[in-house]
Amino acid sequence: VASLIAATGNLDIPAYYLMAAGVIGAISVYAMKES
């Protein structure tokens, strides 16, 4: 994230990174059985 901000100057990079993680997490939870 620090490198992406240094390269692009976009201070919203942390938000985009978290959003992508949320999408991947939701797909994984869908594939998981309730325990």
Full PDB file with SEQRES, HELIX, SHEET, SSBOND, CRYST1, ORIGX, SCALE, CONECT and MASTER records, all heavy atoms in Angstrom:
SEQRES   1 A   35  VAL ALA SER LEU ILE ALA ALA THR GLY ASN LEU ASP ILE          
SEQRES   2 A   35  PRO ALA TYR TYR LEU MET ALA ALA GLY VAL ILE GLY ALA          
SEQRES   3 A   35  ILE SER VAL TYR ALA MET LYS GLU SER                          
HELIX    1 AA1 ALA A    2  THR A    8  1                                   7    
HELIX    2 AA2 ILE A   13  TYR A   30  1                                  18    
CRYST1    1.000    1.000    1.000  90.00  90.00  90.00 P 1           1          
ORIGX1      1.000000  0.000000  0.000000        0.00000                         
ORIGX2      0.000000  1.000000  0.000000        0.00000                         
ORIGX3      0.000000  0.000000  1.000000        0.00000                         
SCALE1      1.000000  0.000000  0.000000        0.00000                         
SCALE2      0.000000  1.000000  0.000000        0.00000                         
SCALE3      0.000000  0.000000  1.000000        0.00000                         
ATOM      1  N   VAL A   1       0.836  -1.200   0.000  1.00  0.00           N  
ATOM      2  CA  VAL A   1       0.000   0.000   0.000  1.00  0.00           C  
ATOM      3  C   VAL A   1       0.874   1.254   0.000  1.00  0.00           C  
ATOM      4  O   VAL A   1       0.598   2.218  -0.733  1.00  0.00           O  
ATOM      5  CB  VAL A   1      -0.965  -0.014   1.201  1.00  0.00           C  
ATOM      6  CG1 VAL A   1      -1.689   1.322   1.338  1.00  0.00           C  
ATOM      7  CG2 VAL A   1      -1.990  -1.133   1.041  1.00  0.00           C  
ATOM      8  N   ALA A   2       1.928   1.263   0.810  1.00  0.00           N  
ATOM      9  CA  ALA A   2       2.832   2.419   0.830  1.00  0.00           C  
ATOM     10  C   ALA A   2       3.472   2.634  -0.540  1.00  0.00           C  
ATOM     11  O   ALA A   2       3.600   3.770  -1.011  1.00  0.00           O  
ATOM     12  CB  ALA A   2       3.907   2.225   1.892  1.00  0.00           C  
ATOM     13  N   SER A   3       3.870   1.554  -1.203  1.00  0.00           N  
ATOM     14  CA  SER A   3       4.500   1.655  -2.521  1.00  0.00           C  
ATOM     15  C   SER A   3       3.511   2.136  -3.573  1.00  0.00           C  
ATOM     16  O   SER A   3       3.851   2.948  -4.438  1.00  0.00           O  
ATOM     17  CB  SER A   3       5.081   0.295  -2.921  1.00  0.00           C  
ATOM     18  OG  SER A   3       6.058  -0.129  -1.992  1.00  0.00           O  
ATOM     19  N   LEU A   4       2.263   1.645  -3.523  1.00  0.00           N  
ATOM     20  CA  LEU A   4       1.244   2.068  -4.481  1.00  0.00           C  
ATOM     21  C   LEU A   4       0.913   3.550  -4.317  1.00  0.00           C  
ATOM     22  O   LEU A   4       0.732   4.270  -5.305  1.00  0.00           O  
ATOM     23  CB  LEU A   4      -0.014   1.222  -4.316  1.00  0.00           C  
ATOM     24  CG  LEU A   4       0.074  -0.226  -4.810  1.00  0.00           C  
ATOM     25  CD1 LEU A   4      -1.199  -0.997  -4.452  1.00  0.00           C  
ATOM     26  CD2 LEU A   4       0.308  -0.269  -6.319  1.00  0.00           C  
ATOM     27  N   ILE A   5       0.832   3.992  -3.072  1.00  0.00           N  
ATOM     28  CA  ILE A   5       0.571   5.416  -2.846  1.00  0.00           C  
ATOM     29  C   ILE A   5       1.740   6.255  -3.343  1.00  0.00           C  
ATOM     30  O   ILE A   5       1.547   7.318  -3.965  1.00  0.00           O  
ATOM     31  CB  ILE A   5       0.298   5.681  -1.350  1.00  0.00           C  
ATOM     32  CG1 ILE A   5      -1.033   5.041  -0.932  1.00  0.00           C  
ATOM     33  CG2 ILE A   5       0.267   7.179  -1.069  1.00  0.00           C  
ATOM     34  CD1 ILE A   5      -1.343   5.173   0.540  1.00  0.00           C  
ATOM     35  N   ALA A   6       2.983   5.791  -3.088  1.00  0.00           N  
ATOM     36  CA  ALA A   6       4.158   6.530  -3.560  1.00  0.00           C  
ATOM     37  C   ALA A   6       4.182   6.604  -5.083  1.00  0.00           C  
ATOM     38  O   ALA A   6       4.590   7.615  -5.665  1.00  0.00           O  
ATOM     39  CB  ALA A   6       5.427   5.865  -3.042  1.00  0.00           C  
ATOM     40  N   ALA A   7       3.723   5.544  -5.765  1.00  0.00           N  
ATOM     41  CA  ALA A   7       3.761   5.499  -7.227  1.00  0.00           C  
ATOM     42  C   ALA A   7       2.623   6.289  -7.860  1.00  0.00           C  
ATOM     43  O   ALA A   7       2.803   6.889  -8.928  1.00  0.00           O  
ATOM     44  CB  ALA A   7       3.706   4.046  -7.698  1.00  0.00           C  
ATOM     45  N   THR A   8       1.447   6.284  -7.215  1.00  0.00           N  
ATOM     46  CA  THR A   8       0.261   6.893  -7.833  1.00  0.00           C  
ATOM     47  C   THR A   8      -0.158   8.206  -7.201  1.00  0.00           C  
ATOM     48  O   THR A   8      -0.859   9.004  -7.823  1.00  0.00           O  
ATOM     49  CB  THR A   8      -0.936   5.927  -7.746  1.00  0.00           C  
ATOM     50  OG1 THR A   8      -1.299   5.738  -6.365  1.00  0.00           O  
ATOM     51  CG2 THR A   8      -0.586   4.580  -8.367  1.00  0.00           C  
ATOM     52  N   GLY A   9       0.220   8.426  -5.949  1.00  0.00           N  
ATOM     53  CA  GLY A   9      -0.238   9.610  -5.227  1.00  0.00           C  
ATOM     54  C   GLY A   9      -1.686   9.521  -4.780  1.00  0.00           C  
ATOM     55  O   GLY A   9      -2.228  10.498  -4.252  1.00  0.00           O  
ATOM     56  N   ASN A  10      -2.312   8.361  -4.956  1.00  0.00           N  
ATOM     57  CA  ASN A  10      -3.730   8.165  -4.611  1.00  0.00           C  
ATOM     58  C   ASN A  10      -3.847   7.722  -3.157  1.00  0.00           C  
ATOM     59  O   ASN A  10      -3.459   6.603  -2.809  1.00  0.00           O  
ATOM     60  CB  ASN A  10      -4.353   7.131  -5.540  1.00  0.00           C  
ATOM     61  CG  ASN A  10      -5.863   7.051  -5.391  1.00  0.00           C  
ATOM     62  OD1 ASN A  10      -6.431   7.429  -4.359  1.00  0.00           O  
ATOM     63  ND2 ASN A  10      -6.530   6.562  -6.427  1.00  0.00           N  
ATOM     64  N   LEU A  11      -4.399   8.564  -2.313  1.00  0.00           N  
ATOM     65  CA  LEU A  11      -4.506   8.259  -0.885  1.00  0.00           C  
ATOM     66  C   LEU A  11      -5.672   7.326  -0.564  1.00  0.00           C  
ATOM     67  O   LEU A  11      -5.831   6.919   0.591  1.00  0.00           O  
ATOM     68  CB  LEU A  11      -4.659   9.557  -0.093  1.00  0.00           C  
ATOM     69  CG  LEU A  11      -3.449  10.493  -0.112  1.00  0.00           C  
ATOM     70  CD1 LEU A  11      -3.779  11.801   0.581  1.00  0.00           C  
ATOM     71  CD2 LEU A  11      -2.243   9.827   0.539  1.00  0.00           C  
ATOM     72  N   ASP A  12      -6.480   6.968  -1.568  1.00  0.00           N  
ATOM     73  CA  ASP A  12      -7.595   6.048  -1.346  1.00  0.00           C  
ATOM     74  C   ASP A  12      -7.196   4.584  -1.573  1.00  0.00           C  
ATOM     75  O   ASP A  12      -8.041   3.694  -1.454  1.00  0.00           O  
ATOM     76  CB  ASP A  12      -8.759   6.393  -2.280  1.00  0.00           C  
ATOM     77  CG  ASP A  12      -9.391   7.732  -1.936  1.00  0.00           C  
ATOM     78  OD1 ASP A  12      -9.374   8.104  -0.746  1.00  0.00           O  
ATOM     79  OD2 ASP A  12      -9.893   8.407  -2.853  1.00  0.00           O  
ATOM     80  N   ILE A  13      -5.945   4.335  -1.894  1.00  0.00           N  
ATOM     81  CA  ILE A  13      -5.474   2.965  -2.127  1.00  0.00           C  
ATOM     82  C   ILE A  13      -5.825   2.029  -0.961  1.00  0.00           C  
ATOM     83  O   ILE A  13      -6.271   0.897  -1.193  1.00  0.00           O  
ATOM     84  CB  ILE A  13      -3.947   2.952  -2.386  1.00  0.00           C  
ATOM     85  CG1 ILE A  13      -3.634   3.611  -3.738  1.00  0.00           C  
ATOM     86  CG2 ILE A  13      -3.400   1.533  -2.345  1.00  0.00           C  
ATOM     87  CD1 ILE A  13      -4.106   2.851  -4.945  1.00  0.00           C  
ATOM     88  N   PRO A  14      -5.652   2.437   0.308  1.00  0.00           N  
ATOM     89  CA  PRO A  14      -6.017   1.521   1.400  1.00  0.00           C  
ATOM     90  C   PRO A  14      -7.471   1.068   1.326  1.00  0.00           C  
ATOM     91  O   PRO A  14      -7.776  -0.102   1.612  1.00  0.00           O  
ATOM     92  CB  PRO A  14      -5.752   2.364   2.654  1.00  0.00           C  
ATOM     93  CG  PRO A  14      -4.713   3.343   2.242  1.00  0.00           C  
ATOM     94  CD  PRO A  14      -5.038   3.679   0.822  1.00  0.00           C  
ATOM     95  N   ALA A  15      -8.383   1.962   0.948  1.00  0.00           N  
ATOM     96  CA  ALA A  15      -9.800   1.590   0.851  1.00  0.00           C  
ATOM     97  C   ALA A  15     -10.025   0.566  -0.251  1.00  0.00           C  
ATOM     98  O   ALA A  15     -10.748  -0.429  -0.058  1.00  0.00           O  
ATOM     99  CB  ALA A  15     -10.649   2.838   0.602  1.00  0.00           C  
ATOM    100  N   TYR A  16      -9.421   0.783  -1.406  1.00  0.00           N  
ATOM    101  CA  TYR A  16      -9.590  -0.161  -2.517  1.00  0.00           C  
ATOM    102  C   TYR A  16      -9.035  -1.536  -2.151  1.00  0.00           C  
ATOM    103  O   TYR A  16      -9.602  -2.574  -2.515  1.00  0.00           O  
ATOM    104  CB  TYR A  16      -8.895   0.363  -3.773  1.00  0.00           C  
ATOM    105  CG  TYR A  16      -9.382   1.717  -4.217  1.00  0.00           C  
ATOM    106  CD1 TYR A  16      -8.514   2.633  -4.813  1.00  0.00           C  
ATOM    107  CD2 TYR A  16     -10.714   2.108  -4.045  1.00  0.00           C  
ATOM    108  CE1 TYR A  16      -8.949   3.889  -5.221  1.00  0.00           C  
ATOM    109  CE2 TYR A  16     -11.160   3.361  -4.445  1.00  0.00           C  
ATOM    110  CZ  TYR A  16     -10.280   4.240  -5.019  1.00  0.00           C  
ATOM    111  OH  TYR A  16     -10.716   5.487  -5.421  1.00  0.00           O  
ATOM    112  N   TYR A  17      -7.930  -1.549  -1.440  1.00  0.00           N  
ATOM    113  CA  TYR A  17      -7.294  -2.801  -1.014  1.00  0.00           C  
ATOM    114  C   TYR A  17      -8.225  -3.567  -0.061  1.00  0.00           C  
ATOM    115  O   TYR A  17      -8.399  -4.776  -0.180  1.00  0.00           O  
ATOM    116  CB  TYR A  17      -5.971  -2.462  -0.326  1.00  0.00           C  
ATOM    117  CG  TYR A  17      -4.883  -3.495  -0.498  1.00  0.00           C  
ATOM    118  CD1 TYR A  17      -4.201  -3.624  -1.702  1.00  0.00           C  
ATOM    119  CD2 TYR A  17      -4.513  -4.319   0.556  1.00  0.00           C  
ATOM    120  CE1 TYR A  17      -3.191  -4.553  -1.853  1.00  0.00           C  
ATOM    121  CE2 TYR A  17      -3.500  -5.252   0.414  1.00  0.00           C  
ATOM    122  CZ  TYR A  17      -2.841  -5.371  -0.795  1.00  0.00           C  
ATOM    123  OH  TYR A  17      -1.842  -6.292  -0.946  1.00  0.00           O  
ATOM    124  N   LEU A  18      -8.821  -2.850   0.881  1.00  0.00           N  
ATOM    125  CA  LEU A  18      -9.742  -3.479   1.826  1.00  0.00           C  
ATOM    126  C   LEU A  18     -10.994  -3.996   1.121  1.00  0.00           C  
ATOM    127  O   LEU A  18     -11.509  -5.075   1.449  1.00  0.00           O  
ATOM    128  CB  LEU A  18     -10.131  -2.480   2.915  1.00  0.00           C  
ATOM    129  CG  LEU A  18      -9.038  -2.093   3.916  1.00  0.00           C  
ATOM    130  CD1 LEU A  18      -9.512  -0.932   4.788  1.00  0.00           C  
ATOM    131  CD2 LEU A  18      -8.653  -3.279   4.788  1.00  0.00           C  
ATOM    132  N   MET A  19     -11.505  -3.257   0.161  1.00  0.00           N  
ATOM    133  CA  MET A  19     -12.694  -3.685  -0.567  1.00  0.00           C  
ATOM    134  C   MET A  19     -12.438  -4.977  -1.346  1.00  0.00           C  
ATOM    135  O   MET A  19     -13.275  -5.895  -1.350  1.00  0.00           O  
ATOM    136  CB  MET A  19     -13.153  -2.568  -1.509  1.00  0.00           C  
ATOM    137  CG  MET A  19     -13.676  -1.332  -0.779  1.00  0.00           C  
ATOM    138  SD  MET A  19     -13.907   0.100  -1.876  1.00  0.00           S  
ATOM    139  CE  MET A  19     -15.303  -0.468  -2.832  1.00  0.00           C  
ATOM    140  N   ALA A  20     -11.293  -5.056  -1.987  1.00  0.00           N  
ATOM    141  CA  ALA A  20     -10.944  -6.281  -2.717  1.00  0.00           C  
ATOM    142  C   ALA A  20     -10.848  -7.469  -1.763  1.00  0.00           C  
ATOM    143  O   ALA A  20     -11.309  -8.582  -2.076  1.00  0.00           O  
ATOM    144  CB  ALA A  20      -9.625  -6.086  -3.467  1.00  0.00           C  
ATOM    145  N   ALA A  21     -10.259  -7.243  -0.592  1.00  0.00           N  
ATOM    146  CA  ALA A  21     -10.168  -8.312   0.412  1.00  0.00           C  
ATOM    147  C   ALA A  21     -11.548  -8.771   0.849  1.00  0.00           C  
ATOM    148  O   ALA A  21     -11.789  -9.969   1.060  1.00  0.00           O  
ATOM    149  CB  ALA A  21      -9.360  -7.826   1.615  1.00  0.00           C  
ATOM    150  N   GLY A  22     -12.488  -7.828   0.986  1.00  0.00           N  
ATOM    151  CA  GLY A  22     -13.846  -8.181   1.380  1.00  0.00           C  
ATOM    152  C   GLY A  22     -14.534  -9.066   0.355  1.00  0.00           C  
ATOM    153  O   GLY A  22     -15.248 -10.014   0.713  1.00  0.00           O  
ATOM    154  N   VAL A  23     -14.340  -8.786  -0.920  1.00  0.00           N  
ATOM    155  CA  VAL A  23     -14.949  -9.611  -1.977  1.00  0.00           C  
ATOM    156  C   VAL A  23     -14.385 -11.032  -1.950  1.00  0.00           C  
ATOM    157  O   VAL A  23     -15.132 -12.018  -2.016  1.00  0.00           O  
ATOM    158  CB  VAL A  23     -14.713  -8.958  -3.360  1.00  0.00           C  
ATOM    159  CG1 VAL A  23     -15.164  -9.900  -4.483  1.00  0.00           C  
ATOM    160  CG2 VAL A  23     -15.453  -7.631  -3.454  1.00  0.00           C  
ATOM    161  N   ILE A  24     -13.072 -11.148  -1.863  1.00  0.00           N  
ATOM    162  CA  ILE A  24     -12.445 -12.466  -1.808  1.00  0.00           C  
ATOM    163  C   ILE A  24     -12.896 -13.227  -0.562  1.00  0.00           C  
ATOM    164  O   ILE A  24     -13.177 -14.440  -0.603  1.00  0.00           O  
ATOM    165  CB  ILE A  24     -10.907 -12.327  -1.839  1.00  0.00           C  
ATOM    166  CG1 ILE A  24     -10.465 -11.753  -3.185  1.00  0.00           C  
ATOM    167  CG2 ILE A  24     -10.230 -13.673  -1.585  1.00  0.00           C  
ATOM    168  CD1 ILE A  24      -9.003 -11.379  -3.251  1.00  0.00           C  
ATOM    169  N   GLY A  25     -12.986 -12.528   0.564  1.00  0.00           N  
ATOM    170  CA  GLY A  25     -13.440 -13.160   1.794  1.00  0.00           C  
ATOM    171  C   GLY A  25     -14.850 -13.696   1.678  1.00  0.00           C  
ATOM    172  O   GLY A  25     -15.150 -14.812   2.127  1.00  0.00           O  
ATOM    173  N   ALA A  26     -15.760 -12.931   1.052  1.00  0.00           N  
ATOM    174  CA  ALA A  26     -17.154 -13.366   0.914  1.00  0.00           C  
ATOM    175  C   ALA A  26     -17.262 -14.620   0.055  1.00  0.00           C  
ATOM    176  O   ALA A  26     -18.046 -15.537   0.366  1.00  0.00           O  
ATOM    177  CB  ALA A  26     -17.986 -12.237   0.306  1.00  0.00           C  
ATOM    178  N   ILE A  27     -16.481 -14.696  -1.018  1.00  0.00           N  
ATOM    179  CA  ILE A  27     -16.480 -15.893  -1.867  1.00  0.00           C  
ATOM    180  C   ILE A  27     -16.010 -17.105  -1.061  1.00  0.00           C  
ATOM    181  O   ILE A  27     -16.580 -18.204  -1.159  1.00  0.00           O  
ATOM    182  CB  ILE A  27     -15.579 -15.676  -3.097  1.00  0.00           C  
ATOM    183  CG1 ILE A  27     -16.161 -14.575  -3.985  1.00  0.00           C  
ATOM    184  CG2 ILE A  27     -15.407 -16.967  -3.881  1.00  0.00           C  
ATOM    185  CD1 ILE A  27     -15.236 -14.132  -5.104  1.00  0.00           C  
ATOM    186  N   SER A  28     -14.994 -16.920  -0.240  1.00  0.00           N  
ATOM    187  CA  SER A  28     -14.454 -18.022   0.567  1.00  0.00           C  
ATOM    188  C   SER A  28     -15.454 -18.483   1.624  1.00  0.00           C  
ATOM    189  O   SER A  28     -15.607 -19.682   1.857  1.00  0.00           O  
ATOM    190  CB  SER A  28     -13.146 -17.586   1.231  1.00  0.00           C  
ATOM    191  OG  SER A  28     -12.200 -17.161   0.269  1.00  0.00           O  
ATOM    192  N   VAL A  29     -16.131 -17.533   2.257  1.00  0.00           N  
ATOM    193  CA  VAL A  29     -17.126 -17.898   3.271  1.00  0.00           C  
ATOM    194  C   VAL A  29     -18.280 -18.667   2.631  1.00  0.00           C  
ATOM    195  O   VAL A  29     -18.801 -19.620   3.212  1.00  0.00           O  
ATOM    196  CB  VAL A  29     -17.650 -16.630   3.983  1.00  0.00           C  
ATOM    197  CG1 VAL A  29     -18.797 -16.980   4.936  1.00  0.00           C  
ATOM    198  CG2 VAL A  29     -16.522 -15.953   4.758  1.00  0.00           C  
ATOM    199  N   TYR A  30     -18.664 -18.279   1.414  1.00  0.00           N  
ATOM    200  CA  TYR A  30     -19.734 -18.985   0.706  1.00  0.00           C  
ATOM    201  C   TYR A  30     -19.369 -20.455   0.483  1.00  0.00           C  
ATOM    202  O   TYR A  30     -20.232 -21.339   0.564  1.00  0.00           O  
ATOM    203  CB  TYR A  30     -20.004 -18.300  -0.630  1.00  0.00           C  
ATOM    204  CG  TYR A  30     -21.053 -18.987  -1.467  1.00  0.00           C  
ATOM    205  CD1 TYR A  30     -22.410 -18.825  -1.191  1.00  0.00           C  
ATOM    206  CD2 TYR A  30     -20.686 -19.808  -2.536  1.00  0.00           C  
ATOM    207  CE1 TYR A  30     -23.371 -19.458  -1.955  1.00  0.00           C  
ATOM    208  CE2 TYR A  30     -21.642 -20.452  -3.307  1.00  0.00           C  
ATOM    209  CZ  TYR A  30     -22.983 -20.277  -3.007  1.00  0.00           C  
ATOM    210  OH  TYR A  30     -23.941 -20.910  -3.759  1.00  0.00           O  
ATOM    211  N   ALA A  31     -18.073 -20.716   0.201  1.00  0.00           N  
ATOM    212  CA  ALA A  31     -17.622 -22.080  -0.067  1.00  0.00           C  
ATOM    213  C   ALA A  31     -17.401 -22.895   1.199  1.00  0.00           C  
ATOM    214  O   ALA A  31     -17.117 -24.097   1.124  1.00  0.00           O  
ATOM    215  CB  ALA A  31     -16.327 -22.040  -0.882  1.00  0.00           C  
ATOM    216  N   MET A  32     -17.552 -22.281   2.341  1.00  0.00           N  
ATOM    217  CA  MET A  32     -17.254 -22.925   3.619  1.00  0.00           C  
ATOM    218  C   MET A  32     -18.522 -23.496   4.241  1.00  0.00           C  
ATOM    219  O   MET A  32     -19.602 -22.948   4.074  1.00  0.00           O  
ATOM    220  CB  MET A  32     -16.643 -21.874   4.549  1.00  0.00           C  
ATOM    221  CG  MET A  32     -16.173 -22.345   5.884  1.00  0.00           C  
ATOM    222  SD  MET A  32     -15.547 -20.911   6.818  1.00  0.00           S  
ATOM    223  CE  MET A  32     -17.079 -20.105   7.263  1.00  0.00           C  
ATOM    224  N   LYS A  33     -18.395 -24.601   4.965  1.00  0.00           N  
ATOM    225  CA  LYS A  33     -19.524 -25.170   5.692  1.00  0.00           C  
ATOM    226  C   LYS A  33     -19.606 -24.570   7.086  1.00  0.00           C  
ATOM    227  O   LYS A  33     -18.589 -24.268   7.701  1.00  0.00           O  
ATOM    228  CB  LYS A  33     -19.393 -26.687   5.776  1.00  0.00           C  
ATOM    229  CG  LYS A  33     -19.548 -27.385   4.435  1.00  0.00           C  
ATOM    230  CD  LYS A  33     -19.614 -28.891   4.607  1.00  0.00           C  
ATOM    231  CE  LYS A  33     -19.872 -29.567   3.258  1.00  0.00           C  
ATOM    232  NZ  LYS A  33     -20.018 -31.033   3.393  1.00  0.00           N  
ATOM    233  N   GLU A  34     -20.815 -24.410   7.579  1.00  0.00           N  
ATOM    234  CA  GLU A  34     -21.014 -23.904   8.938  1.00  0.00           C  
ATOM    235  C   GLU A  34     -20.485 -24.918   9.950  1.00  0.00           C  
ATOM    236  O   GLU A  34     -20.762 -26.115   9.849  1.00  0.00           O  
ATOM    237  CB  GLU A  34     -22.502 -23.638   9.187  1.00  0.00           C  
ATOM    238  CG  GLU A  34     -22.814 -23.077  10.558  1.00  0.00           C  
ATOM    239  CD  GLU A  34     -22.093 -21.767  10.829  1.00  0.00           C  
ATOM    240  OE1 GLU A  34     -22.440 -20.753  10.205  1.00  0.00           O  
ATOM    241  OE2 GLU A  34     -21.169 -21.782  11.675  1.00  0.00           O  
ATOM    242  N   SER A  35     -19.716 -24.439  10.919  1.00  0.00           N  
ATOM    243  CA  SER A  35     -19.104 -25.343  11.895  1.00  0.00           C  
ATOM    244  C   SER A  35     -19.558 -25.099  13.320  1.00  0.00           C  
ATOM    245  O   SER A  35     -19.179 -25.838  14.226  1.00  0.00           O  
ATOM    246  CB  SER A  35     -17.572 -25.209  11.835  1.00  0.00           C  
ATOM    247  OG  SER A  35     -17.170 -23.881  12.139  1.00  0.00           O  
TER     248      SER A  35                                                      
MASTER        0    0    0    2    0    0    0    6  247    1    0    3          
END                                                                             
